């Protein structure tokens, strides 16, 4: 392998025509020193800084790759193989470390020297890295999908089992008719049925959005009026749980052109989640203000458990389950998936900021038209 010591005069010349090759070619003598190289080798390995002979080429190799290169060199020098290939990175003056591959071969004609053909494989390595990243993402997506489907089947069976169990209890009981008990059971059946319907609707909505079958029906919508109506509904839900729900809407009408049904769906999901994941005596607020350029800026803020950064980073992912307390699944987790699909469809933007133990803030911005 090349060293820093001065080399003897070239004992072996480069094969005829090597200078014309676009590939980097180096020739070594019997001692393992480089004695000849073509212009492509000088350009590739030394940045065109002149002949390579007598220079410490190993120092240009990234330290982590030197051992592998030396091992390949020694294997070739020992005569264990006529051809040895190794891959390594070269550190260039500009700080980049592109990948290269070297094919070490014996010179023909029984010569004791050798020849090395060095190629730039940076594009190939980049493609390999992309493929590895794609594969890792695919595996993660498949696992998330599998976990999601397993959880979804549980979420759908729970209310269905409640409906079946309660109705069977009413039908099969031999006790005299009890209107109080019957009324209680029917209310539970109704609640379970509505829960199941809501979960099925979420699944259907996501499928429709993914298939591009949801088209916004834009009309003039007063954001302030929507905030007032939705806030009153959320306030009832919060009161039942002991959570304060505050509403702050603009004094003047704030009218934008959007799909009212989809806007309501987004705000309902955000408010429901805020109340759901905020413990008594917490607080949830919904506010709307006029932003620059006629945009509407809405904010849903809660004092709930909050989320760590790794959770907020994937909060709108399709297979991210809804969770309250650590490890406790609270639903199929399609609500925020819908939000993440609907908001861009309306031409808007949504952001989330959260601190564990301090609550969460969802900020929704919608264009005037």
Protein backbone atom coordinates (compact mmCIF):
# COMPACT_ATOMS: atom_id res chain seq x y z
CA UNK A 1 0.00 0.00 0.00
CA UNK A 2 1.30 3.53 -0.68
CA UNK A 3 3.35 5.17 2.06
CA UNK A 4 4.67 8.67 2.69
CA UNK A 5 8.23 7.70 1.79
CA UNK A 6 9.71 8.64 -1.55
CA UNK A 7 9.23 5.99 -4.18
CA UNK A 8 11.84 4.63 -6.56
CA UNK A 9 11.61 5.51 -10.23
CA UNK A 10 8.69 3.83 -11.99
CA UNK A 11 9.52 0.23 -12.68
CA UNK A 12 6.23 -0.59 -14.36
CA UNK A 13 4.52 1.76 -16.76
CA UNK A 14 0.80 2.03 -17.23
CA UNK A 15 -0.58 -0.14 -20.02
CA UNK A 16 -0.90 1.53 -23.37
CA UNK A 17 -4.10 3.51 -23.77
CA UNK A 18 -4.81 3.86 -20.05
CA UNK A 19 -4.50 7.65 -20.22
CA UNK A 20 -7.48 7.73 -22.55
CA UNK A 21 -9.78 5.79 -20.24
CA UNK A 22 -12.45 7.69 -18.27
CA UNK A 23 -11.91 5.29 -15.35
CA UNK A 24 -9.32 5.99 -12.68
CA UNK A 25 -6.43 3.54 -13.16
CA UNK A 26 -3.33 3.13 -10.99
CA UNK A 27 -0.37 0.78 -11.48
CA UNK A 28 1.81 -0.61 -8.67
CA UNK A 29 5.20 -2.28 -8.67
CA UNK A 30 6.17 -5.47 -6.86
CA UNK A 31 6.65 -3.58 -3.57
CA UNK A 32 3.09 -2.25 -3.60
CA UNK A 33 3.95 1.36 -4.42
CA UNK A 34 2.02 3.26 -7.05
CA UNK A 35 4.27 3.90 -10.03
CA UNK A 36 1.87 5.17 -12.67
CA UNK A 37 -1.61 6.57 -12.97
CA UNK A 38 -3.82 8.12 -15.60
CA UNK A 39 -5.30 11.66 -15.50
CA UNK A 40 -8.68 10.30 -14.40
CA UNK A 41 -7.05 8.84 -11.26
CA UNK A 42 -5.39 12.16 -10.42
CA UNK A 43 -8.70 13.96 -10.85
CA UNK A 44 -10.71 11.44 -8.84
CA UNK A 45 -8.35 10.74 -5.97
CA UNK A 46 -6.34 13.93 -5.71
CA UNK A 47 -8.68 16.50 -7.15
CA UNK A 48 -6.33 17.11 -10.08
CA UNK A 49 -3.45 18.09 -7.77
CA UNK A 50 -0.83 16.30 -9.84
CA UNK A 51 0.75 12.82 -9.89
CA UNK A 52 -0.15 10.42 -7.12
CA UNK A 53 3.16 8.57 -6.92
CA UNK A 54 4.96 9.16 -3.64
CA UNK A 55 1.87 10.58 -1.91
CA UNK A 56 0.19 9.15 1.18
CA UNK A 57 -3.03 8.07 -0.50
CA UNK A 58 -4.21 6.12 2.51
CA UNK A 59 -4.57 9.39 4.39
CA UNK A 60 -7.23 10.50 1.92
CA UNK A 61 -9.35 7.50 2.90
CA UNK A 62 -11.89 8.01 5.71
CA UNK A 63 -10.33 6.47 8.87
CA UNK A 64 -13.24 4.09 9.41
CA UNK A 65 -12.64 2.56 5.96
CA UNK A 66 -8.85 2.22 6.09
CA UNK A 67 -8.79 -1.19 7.79
CA UNK A 68 -11.03 -2.72 5.14
CA UNK A 69 -8.95 -1.26 2.33
CA UNK A 70 -5.71 -2.51 3.89
CA UNK A 71 -7.20 -5.98 4.40
CA UNK A 72 -8.21 -6.16 0.74
CA UNK A 73 -4.78 -4.96 -0.32
CA UNK A 74 -3.02 -7.58 1.80
CA UNK A 75 -5.31 -10.31 0.52
CA UNK A 76 -4.46 -9.36 -3.04
CA UNK A 77 -0.72 -9.06 -2.31
CA UNK A 78 -0.74 -12.52 -0.72
CA UNK A 79 -1.96 -13.95 -4.00
CA UNK A 80 -5.12 -15.38 -2.47
CA UNK A 81 -7.15 -14.10 -5.40
CA UNK A 82 -6.48 -12.73 -8.84
CA UNK A 83 -9.00 -9.99 -8.23
CA UNK A 84 -10.07 -8.28 -5.00
CA UNK A 85 -12.76 -5.61 -4.68
CA UNK A 86 -13.22 -3.21 -1.80
CA UNK A 87 -15.32 -0.12 -1.11
CA UNK A 88 -14.22 2.97 0.79
CA UNK A 89 -14.80 6.69 1.17
CA UNK A 90 -12.32 9.38 0.23
CA UNK A 91 -12.19 12.63 2.18
CA UNK A 92 -11.93 15.54 -0.21
CA UNK A 93 -10.71 19.08 0.53
CA UNK A 94 -14.29 20.39 0.36
CA UNK A 95 -15.28 18.10 3.24
CA UNK A 96 -17.31 15.62 1.20
CA UNK A 97 -16.70 11.89 1.58
CA UNK A 98 -17.88 10.17 -1.61
CA UNK A 99 -17.87 6.40 -1.90
CA UNK A 100 -15.46 4.63 -4.27
CA UNK A 101 -14.82 1.03 -5.25
CA UNK A 102 -11.40 -0.38 -6.15
CA UNK A 103 -10.83 -3.52 -8.21
CA UNK A 104 -7.29 -4.82 -7.60
CA UNK A 105 -5.94 -7.16 -10.27
CA UNK A 106 -2.66 -8.76 -11.26
CA UNK A 107 -0.97 -7.35 -14.31
CA UNK A 108 -1.05 -9.73 -17.29
CA UNK A 109 2.06 -11.54 -18.54
CA UNK A 110 3.27 -12.87 -15.21
CA UNK A 111 4.27 -9.39 -14.06
CA UNK A 112 4.66 -9.02 -10.31
CA UNK A 113 2.92 -5.67 -10.27
CA UNK A 114 -0.75 -4.89 -10.16
CA UNK A 115 -3.39 -2.53 -11.43
CA UNK A 116 -6.24 -0.86 -9.57
CA UNK A 117 -9.36 0.46 -11.25
CA UNK A 118 -11.19 2.93 -9.01
CA UNK A 119 -14.77 3.99 -9.72
CA UNK A 120 -17.04 6.55 -8.11
CA UNK A 121 -19.97 4.64 -6.59
CA UNK A 122 -21.53 7.55 -4.71
CA UNK A 123 -24.71 7.50 -6.86
CA UNK A 124 -25.05 3.76 -6.29
CA UNK A 125 -24.60 4.19 -2.53
CA UNK A 126 -27.17 6.98 -2.53
CA UNK A 127 -29.66 4.72 -4.28
CA UNK A 128 -28.92 1.93 -1.80
CA UNK A 129 -29.52 4.33 1.09
CA UNK A 130 -32.81 5.43 -0.47
CA UNK A 131 -33.89 1.82 -0.93
CA UNK A 132 -32.97 1.01 2.67
CA UNK A 133 -34.92 4.02 3.91
CA UNK A 134 -37.90 3.06 1.74
CA UNK A 135 -37.74 -0.52 2.98
CA UNK A 136 -37.57 0.61 6.61
CA UNK A 137 -40.51 2.96 6.08
CA UNK A 138 -42.50 0.21 4.38
CA UNK A 139 -41.83 -2.25 7.19
CA UNK A 140 -42.82 0.38 9.77
CA UNK A 141 -45.99 1.18 7.81
CA UNK A 142 -46.93 -2.50 7.56
CA UNK A 143 -46.41 -2.98 11.29
CA UNK A 144 -48.41 0.15 12.09
CA UNK A 145 -51.18 -1.02 9.77
CA UNK A 146 -51.23 -4.46 11.37
CA UNK A 147 -51.34 -2.96 14.87
CA UNK A 148 -54.01 -0.51 13.75
CA UNK A 149 -56.26 -3.20 12.28
CA UNK A 150 -55.87 -5.33 15.40
CA UNK A 151 -56.83 -2.37 17.57
CA UNK A 152 -59.66 -1.33 15.24
CA UNK A 153 -61.25 -4.76 15.41
CA UNK A 154 -61.26 -4.44 19.20
CA UNK A 155 -62.68 -0.91 19.06
CA UNK A 156 -65.52 -2.00 16.78
CA UNK A 157 -66.32 -5.15 18.71
CA UNK A 158 -66.58 -3.40 22.08
CA UNK A 159 -69.75 -1.35 21.38
CA UNK A 160 -71.20 -4.17 19.28
CA UNK A 161 -70.75 -6.62 22.13
CA UNK A 162 -72.43 -4.13 24.45
CA UNK A 163 -75.44 -3.86 22.11
CA UNK A 164 -75.74 -7.64 21.82
CA UNK A 165 -75.26 -8.26 25.52
CA UNK A 166 -77.76 -5.65 26.67
CA UNK A 167 -80.47 -6.65 24.19
CA UNK A 168 -80.03 -10.33 25.04
CA UNK A 169 -80.40 -9.46 28.70
CA UNK A 170 -83.67 -7.68 27.97
CA UNK A 171 -85.03 -10.46 25.77
CA UNK A 172 -84.00 -13.46 27.82
CA UNK A 173 -84.82 -12.24 31.31
CA UNK A 174 -87.71 -13.99 32.97
CA UNK A 175 -88.24 -11.21 35.48
CA UNK A 176 -91.31 -8.95 35.33
CA UNK A 177 -91.05 -5.92 33.07
CA UNK A 178 -89.00 -3.21 34.75
CA UNK A 179 -89.39 0.14 32.94
CA UNK A 180 -86.51 1.76 34.83
CA UNK A 181 -84.11 -1.07 34.00
CA UNK A 182 -85.34 -1.25 30.41
CA UNK A 183 -84.92 2.49 29.94
CA UNK A 184 -81.37 2.31 31.32
CA UNK A 185 -80.41 -0.57 29.03
CA UNK A 186 -81.94 1.07 25.96
CA UNK A 187 -79.98 4.24 26.60
CA UNK A 188 -76.79 2.20 26.86
CA UNK A 189 -77.67 0.38 23.63
CA UNK A 190 -78.27 3.71 21.93
CA UNK A 191 -74.95 5.11 23.16
CA UNK A 192 -73.06 2.00 22.05
CA UNK A 193 -74.75 2.10 18.65
CA UNK A 194 -73.83 5.74 18.16
CA UNK A 195 -70.25 5.00 19.19
CA UNK A 196 -70.05 2.18 16.65
CA UNK A 197 -71.61 4.34 13.94
CA UNK A 198 -69.13 7.12 14.63
CA UNK A 199 -66.17 4.75 14.34
CA UNK A 200 -67.48 3.25 11.10
CA UNK A 201 -68.07 6.73 9.69
CA UNK A 202 -64.47 7.67 10.47
CA UNK A 203 -63.19 4.62 8.59
CA UNK A 204 -65.44 5.40 5.60
CA UNK A 205 -64.42 9.07 5.59
CA UNK A 206 -60.71 8.22 5.56
CA UNK A 207 -61.21 5.77 2.70
CA UNK A 208 -63.14 8.39 0.70
CA UNK A 209 -60.48 11.03 1.32
CA UNK A 210 -57.65 8.69 0.35
CA UNK A 211 -59.51 7.76 -2.84
CA UNK A 212 -60.00 11.43 -3.73
CA UNK A 213 -63.78 11.10 -3.65
CA UNK A 214 -64.32 13.97 -1.20
CA UNK A 215 -64.74 17.30 -3.01
CA UNK A 216 -65.18 20.48 -0.93
CA UNK A 217 -68.47 22.29 -1.40
CA UNK A 218 -67.40 25.87 -0.76
CA UNK A 219 -69.75 28.56 0.42
CA UNK A 220 -69.62 31.69 2.56
CA UNK A 221 -69.11 30.56 6.15
CA UNK A 222 -69.09 32.80 9.22
CA UNK A 223 -66.30 31.30 11.32
CA UNK A 224 -67.49 33.15 14.43
CA UNK A 225 -70.95 31.59 14.19
CA UNK A 226 -69.44 28.13 13.75
CA UNK A 227 -67.21 28.65 16.77
CA UNK A 228 -70.17 29.73 18.91
CA UNK A 229 -72.31 26.72 17.92
CA UNK A 230 -69.52 24.18 18.27
CA UNK A 231 -68.38 25.73 21.52
CA UNK A 232 -71.81 25.34 23.08
CA UNK A 233 -71.87 21.67 22.13
CA UNK A 234 -68.38 21.12 23.55
CA UNK A 235 -69.35 23.00 26.70
CA UNK A 236 -72.07 20.45 27.42
CA UNK A 237 -69.58 17.63 26.97
CA UNK A 238 -67.08 19.40 29.20
CA UNK A 239 -69.63 20.12 31.93
CA UNK A 240 -70.50 16.44 32.14
CA UNK A 241 -66.81 15.70 32.72
CA UNK A 242 -65.99 18.63 34.97
CA UNK A 243 -63.88 20.40 32.33
CA UNK A 244 -64.32 24.11 31.63
CA UNK A 245 -64.82 25.01 27.95
CA UNK A 246 -64.21 28.65 27.01
CA UNK A 247 -65.14 30.29 23.70
CA UNK A 248 -63.49 33.38 22.24
CA UNK A 249 -64.94 34.44 18.90
CA UNK A 250 -64.39 37.63 16.90
CA UNK A 251 -66.79 40.50 17.54
CA UNK A 252 -67.14 41.26 13.83
CA UNK A 253 -68.21 38.61 11.31
CA UNK A 254 -65.27 36.57 10.01
CA UNK A 255 -66.46 35.14 6.71
CA UNK A 256 -64.41 32.79 4.52
CA UNK A 257 -65.23 30.59 1.53
CA UNK A 258 -64.94 27.01 2.69
CA UNK A 259 -66.84 23.76 3.10
CA UNK A 260 -68.93 24.26 6.22
CA UNK A 261 -69.52 20.54 6.84
CA UNK A 262 -65.82 19.70 6.63
CA UNK A 263 -64.89 22.69 8.80
CA UNK A 264 -67.37 21.55 11.45
CA UNK A 265 -65.98 18.03 11.26
CA UNK A 266 -62.43 19.26 11.87
CA UNK A 267 -63.39 21.48 14.81
CA UNK A 268 -65.62 18.80 16.35
CA UNK A 269 -62.75 16.32 16.29
CA UNK A 270 -60.31 18.79 17.83
CA UNK A 271 -62.74 19.88 20.54
CA UNK A 272 -63.87 16.35 21.35
CA UNK A 273 -60.27 15.18 21.71
CA UNK A 274 -59.38 18.20 23.84
CA UNK A 275 -62.22 17.51 26.29
CA UNK A 276 -61.63 13.77 26.19
CA UNK A 277 -57.95 14.00 27.09
CA UNK A 278 -58.29 16.75 29.71
CA UNK A 279 -58.86 15.65 33.28
CA UNK A 280 -61.07 17.43 35.81
CA UNK A 281 -60.75 20.33 36.63
CA UNK A 282 -58.98 21.17 33.39
CA UNK A 283 -59.75 23.78 30.78
CA UNK A 284 -60.35 23.73 27.02
CA UNK A 285 -60.62 26.86 24.88
CA UNK A 286 -61.64 27.54 21.29
CA UNK A 287 -60.77 30.88 19.73
CA UNK A 288 -60.97 32.45 16.28
CA UNK A 289 -59.33 35.64 15.01
CA UNK A 290 -58.80 37.29 11.65
CA UNK A 291 -55.27 36.84 10.38
CA UNK A 292 -53.25 38.63 7.70
CA UNK A 293 -54.65 38.55 4.18
CA UNK A 294 -58.15 37.65 5.29
CA UNK A 295 -57.13 34.26 6.65
CA UNK A 296 -59.00 32.83 9.63
CA UNK A 297 -56.91 31.55 12.52
CA UNK A 298 -58.55 29.13 14.93
CA UNK A 299 -56.97 27.66 18.03
CA UNK A 300 -58.01 24.74 20.22
CA UNK A 301 -56.07 24.71 23.48
CA UNK A 302 -56.30 22.32 26.42
CA UNK A 303 -54.60 21.71 29.76
CA UNK A 304 -54.52 17.95 29.31
CA UNK A 305 -51.71 15.43 29.60
CA UNK A 306 -49.87 16.71 26.53
CA UNK A 307 -47.71 14.68 24.18
CA UNK A 308 -43.98 14.10 23.66
CA UNK A 309 -42.34 15.35 20.43
CA UNK A 310 -42.21 11.87 18.89
CA UNK A 311 -46.00 11.67 19.26
CA UNK A 312 -46.76 15.07 17.77
CA UNK A 313 -44.45 14.31 14.83
CA UNK A 314 -46.80 11.55 13.66
CA UNK A 315 -50.07 12.77 15.16
CA UNK A 316 -51.83 12.96 11.79
CA UNK A 317 -50.57 9.57 10.58
CA UNK A 318 -53.24 7.15 9.44
CA UNK A 319 -52.33 4.30 11.76
CA UNK A 320 -51.52 6.31 14.87
CA UNK A 321 -53.87 5.15 17.64
CA UNK A 322 -55.56 7.59 19.98
CA UNK A 323 -54.16 7.28 23.48
CA UNK A 324 -54.85 8.97 26.78
CA UNK A 325 -52.79 7.71 29.68
CA UNK A 326 -49.51 6.04 28.67
CA UNK A 327 -50.22 2.71 27.00
CA UNK A 328 -54.00 3.12 27.25
CA UNK A 329 -55.76 2.94 23.90
CA UNK A 330 -58.87 5.12 23.72
CA UNK A 331 -60.04 4.65 20.14
CA UNK A 332 -59.06 3.81 16.57
CA UNK A 333 -57.26 7.12 16.19
CA UNK A 334 -58.81 8.16 12.88
CA UNK A 335 -60.08 11.54 14.06
CA UNK A 336 -56.79 13.38 13.69
CA UNK A 337 -56.08 11.40 10.52
CA UNK A 338 -59.24 12.96 9.11
CA UNK A 339 -58.10 16.39 10.27
CA UNK A 340 -54.76 15.89 8.54
CA UNK A 341 -56.54 14.96 5.30
CA UNK A 342 -59.32 17.56 5.37
CA UNK A 343 -57.35 20.70 6.20
CA UNK A 344 -55.13 20.60 3.06
CA UNK A 345 -58.27 19.84 1.03
CA UNK A 346 -59.65 23.16 2.28
CA UNK A 347 -56.41 24.91 1.34
CA UNK A 348 -55.51 25.41 4.98
CA UNK A 349 -52.69 24.65 7.39
CA UNK A 350 -52.66 22.98 10.78
CA UNK A 351 -49.95 22.80 13.41
CA UNK A 352 -49.69 21.18 16.81
CA UNK A 353 -47.62 22.18 19.82
CA UNK A 354 -47.62 20.09 22.97
CA UNK A 355 -45.74 19.69 26.21
CA UNK A 356 -46.10 16.58 28.37
CA UNK A 357 -48.01 17.53 31.50
CA UNK A 358 -48.84 21.01 30.22
CA UNK A 359 -51.40 20.50 27.47
CA UNK A 360 -51.74 20.76 23.71
CA UNK A 361 -52.52 23.50 21.20
CA UNK A 362 -53.85 22.90 17.68
CA UNK A 363 -53.66 25.91 15.37
CA UNK A 364 -55.81 25.88 12.24
CA UNK A 365 -55.44 28.49 9.49
CA UNK A 366 -57.91 28.73 6.62
CA UNK A 367 -57.72 30.96 3.52
CA UNK A 368 -60.38 33.55 2.70
CA UNK A 369 -61.28 31.79 -0.56
